Amino acid sequence: MIEVALELIKTGKSNPDHIDKAGCTALIWTCQPCLEEVTLEEVALELLKTGHSNHAQVDKKGYTALIWACRTGMKEVALKLIKMGQSFQ
């Protein structure tokens, strides 16, 4: 499914700034832990490249993508979010 997500992002029609009922953007979902032993860090990095993710969005648990990235060990995503300076409220 990673390949599918990456291809969708490449189309420019993935709508990365959409916020669902749980208060999550695609970036937040990709930073959360998966049921399998799979990380979606590559997908998260591609979403960041679009420039359309709402990095400061808070989900219903009160977590941003930065918090989730730190909790799941996505170091590269966390550092990129910090550098972008948009991950804080």
C-alpha atoms as a PDB file:
ATOM      1  CA  MET A   1       0.000   0.000   0.000  1.00  0.00           C
ATOM      2  CA  ILE A   2       2.995   2.292   0.386  1.00  0.00           C
ATOM      3  CA  GLU A   3       3.464   2.288  -3.381  1.00  0.00           C
ATOM      4  CA  VAL A   4      -0.219   3.164  -3.877  1.00  0.00           C
ATOM      5  CA  ALA A   5       0.017   6.071  -1.440  1.00  0.00           C
ATOM      6  CA  LEU A   6       3.166   7.398  -3.106  1.00  0.00           C
ATOM      7  CA  GLU A   7       1.574   7.220  -6.548  1.00  0.00           C
ATOM      8  CA  LEU A   8      -1.536   9.009  -5.302  1.00  0.00           C
ATOM      9  CA  ILE A   9       0.573  11.802  -3.813  1.00  0.00           C
ATOM     10  CA  LYS A  10       2.403  12.180  -7.147  1.00  0.00           C
ATOM     11  CA  THR A  11      -0.919  12.853  -8.916  1.00  0.00           C
ATOM     12  CA  GLY A  12      -1.376  16.047  -6.900  1.00  0.00           C
ATOM     13  CA  LYS A  13      -4.915  14.957  -6.019  1.00  0.00           C
ATOM     14  CA  SER A  14      -4.307  13.330  -2.643  1.00  0.00           C
ATOM     15  CA  ASN A  15      -5.790  16.287  -0.701  1.00  0.00           C
ATOM     16  CA  PRO A  16      -3.205  16.188   2.127  1.00  0.00           C
ATOM     17  CA  ASP A  17      -4.739  19.099   4.025  1.00  0.00           C
ATOM     18  CA  HIS A  18      -8.139  17.406   4.443  1.00  0.00           C
ATOM     19  CA  ILE A  19      -9.095  16.910   8.098  1.00  0.00           C
ATOM     20  CA  ASP A  20     -11.239  13.864   8.876  1.00  0.00           C
ATOM     21  CA  LYS A  21     -13.726  13.330  11.731  1.00  0.00           C
ATOM     22  CA  ALA A  22     -10.916  12.215  14.047  1.00  0.00           C
ATOM     23  CA  GLY A  23      -9.139  15.525  13.451  1.00  0.00           C
ATOM     24  CA  CYS A  24      -6.452  13.779  11.415  1.00  0.00           C
ATOM     25  CA  THR A  25      -4.742  14.774   8.204  1.00  0.00           C
ATOM     26  CA  ALA A  26      -3.012  12.252   5.962  1.00  0.00           C
ATOM     27  CA  LEU A  27       0.263  13.298   7.584  1.00  0.00           C
ATOM     28  CA  ILE A  28      -1.035  12.503  11.069  1.00  0.00           C
ATOM     29  CA  TRP A  29      -2.296   9.101   9.891  1.00  0.00           C
ATOM     30  CA  THR A  30       1.047   8.226   8.317  1.00  0.00           C
ATOM     31  CA  CYS A  31       2.930   9.144  11.497  1.00  0.00           C
ATOM     32  CA  GLN A  32       0.761   6.983  13.761  1.00  0.00           C
ATOM     33  CA  PRO A  33       1.820   3.412  14.488  1.00  0.00           C
ATOM     34  CA  CYS A  34       0.614   0.763  12.028  1.00  0.00           C
ATOM     35  CA  LEU A  35      -0.742  -2.604  13.075  1.00  0.00           C
ATOM     36  CA  GLU A  36       1.967  -4.326  11.076  1.00  0.00           C
ATOM     37  CA  GLU A  37       5.655  -3.803  11.618  1.00  0.00           C
ATOM     38  CA  VAL A  38       5.652  -1.262   8.792  1.00  0.00           C
ATOM     39  CA  THR A  39       6.598   2.386   8.945  1.00  0.00           C
ATOM     40  CA  LEU A  40       5.073   4.931   6.618  1.00  0.00           C
ATOM     41  CA  GLU A  41       7.965   7.379   6.986  1.00  0.00           C
ATOM     42  CA  GLU A  42       8.550   7.503   3.225  1.00  0.00           C
ATOM     43  CA  VAL A  43       4.895   8.443   2.679  1.00  0.00           C
ATOM     44  CA  ALA A  44       5.049  11.096   5.411  1.00  0.00           C
ATOM     45  CA  LEU A  45       8.120  12.664   3.810  1.00  0.00           C
ATOM     46  CA  GLU A  46       6.379  12.782   0.426  1.00  0.00           C
ATOM     47  CA  LEU A  47       3.335  14.430   2.016  1.00  0.00           C
ATOM     48  CA  LEU A  48       5.619  17.070   3.521  1.00  0.00           C
ATOM     49  CA  LYS A  49       7.081  17.775   0.080  1.00  0.00           C
ATOM     50  CA  THR A  50       3.623  18.708  -1.234  1.00  0.00           C
ATOM     51  CA  GLY A  51       3.572  21.774   0.997  1.00  0.00           C
ATOM     52  CA  HIS A  52      -0.135  21.234   1.623  1.00  0.00           C
ATOM     53  CA  SER A  53      -0.201  19.350   4.902  1.00  0.00           C
ATOM     54  CA  ASN A  54      -1.455  21.241   7.923  1.00  0.00           C
ATOM     55  CA  HIS A  55       1.512  20.511  10.178  1.00  0.00           C
ATOM     56  CA  ALA A  56       0.018  22.114  13.284  1.00  0.00           C
ATOM     57  CA  GLN A  57      -3.278  20.179  13.058  1.00  0.00           C
ATOM     58  CA  VAL A  58      -4.169  18.481  16.330  1.00  0.00           C
ATOM     59  CA  ASP A  59      -6.088  15.202  16.350  1.00  0.00           C
ATOM     60  CA  LYS A  60      -8.745  14.271  18.925  1.00  0.00           C
ATOM     61  CA  LYS A  61      -6.031  12.938  21.233  1.00  0.00           C
ATOM     62  CA  GLY A  62      -4.349  16.333  21.165  1.00  0.00           C
ATOM     63  CA  TYR A  63      -1.379  15.134  19.098  1.00  0.00           C
ATOM     64  CA  THR A  64       0.220  16.758  16.068  1.00  0.00           C
ATOM     65  CA  ALA A  65       2.106  14.894  13.349  1.00  0.00           C
ATOM     66  CA  LEU A  66       5.306  15.930  15.139  1.00  0.00           C
ATOM     67  CA  ILE A  67       4.216  14.213  18.344  1.00  0.00           C
ATOM     68  CA  TRP A  68       3.214  11.066  16.461  1.00  0.00           C
ATOM     69  CA  ALA A  69       6.474  11.073  14.494  1.00  0.00           C
ATOM     70  CA  CYS A  70       8.438  11.251  17.740  1.00  0.00           C
ATOM     71  CA  ARG A  71       6.354   8.503  19.366  1.00  0.00           C
ATOM     72  CA  THR A  72       6.850   6.138  16.438  1.00  0.00           C
ATOM     73  CA  GLY A  73      10.555   6.814  15.918  1.00  0.00           C
ATOM     74  CA  MET A  74      10.237   8.691  12.627  1.00  0.00           C
ATOM     75  CA  LYS A  75      13.317  10.780  13.282  1.00  0.00           C
ATOM     76  CA  GLU A  76      13.671  12.178   9.750  1.00  0.00           C
ATOM     77  CA  VAL A  77      10.024  13.292   9.673  1.00  0.00           C
ATOM     78  CA  ALA A  78      10.255  14.857  13.141  1.00  0.00           C
ATOM     79  CA  LEU A  79      13.399  16.789  12.264  1.00  0.00           C
ATOM     80  CA  LYS A  80      11.899  18.008   8.991  1.00  0.00           C
ATOM     81  CA  LEU A  81       8.747  19.175  10.777  1.00  0.00           C
ATOM     82  CA  ILE A  82      10.831  21.074  13.317  1.00  0.00           C
ATOM     83  CA  LYS A  83      12.915  22.694  10.556  1.00  0.00           C
ATOM     84  CA  MET A  84       9.749  23.740   8.743  1.00  0.00           C
ATOM     85  CA  GLY A  85       8.674  25.570  11.908  1.00  0.00           C
ATOM     86  CA  GLN A  86       4.982  24.948  11.304  1.00  0.00           C
ATOM     87  CA  SER A  87       4.428  22.079  13.701  1.00  0.00           C
ATOM     88  CA  PHE A  88       3.604  24.129  16.731  1.00  0.00           C
ATOM     89  CA  GLN A  89       0.469  25.919  17.766  1.00  0.00           C
END
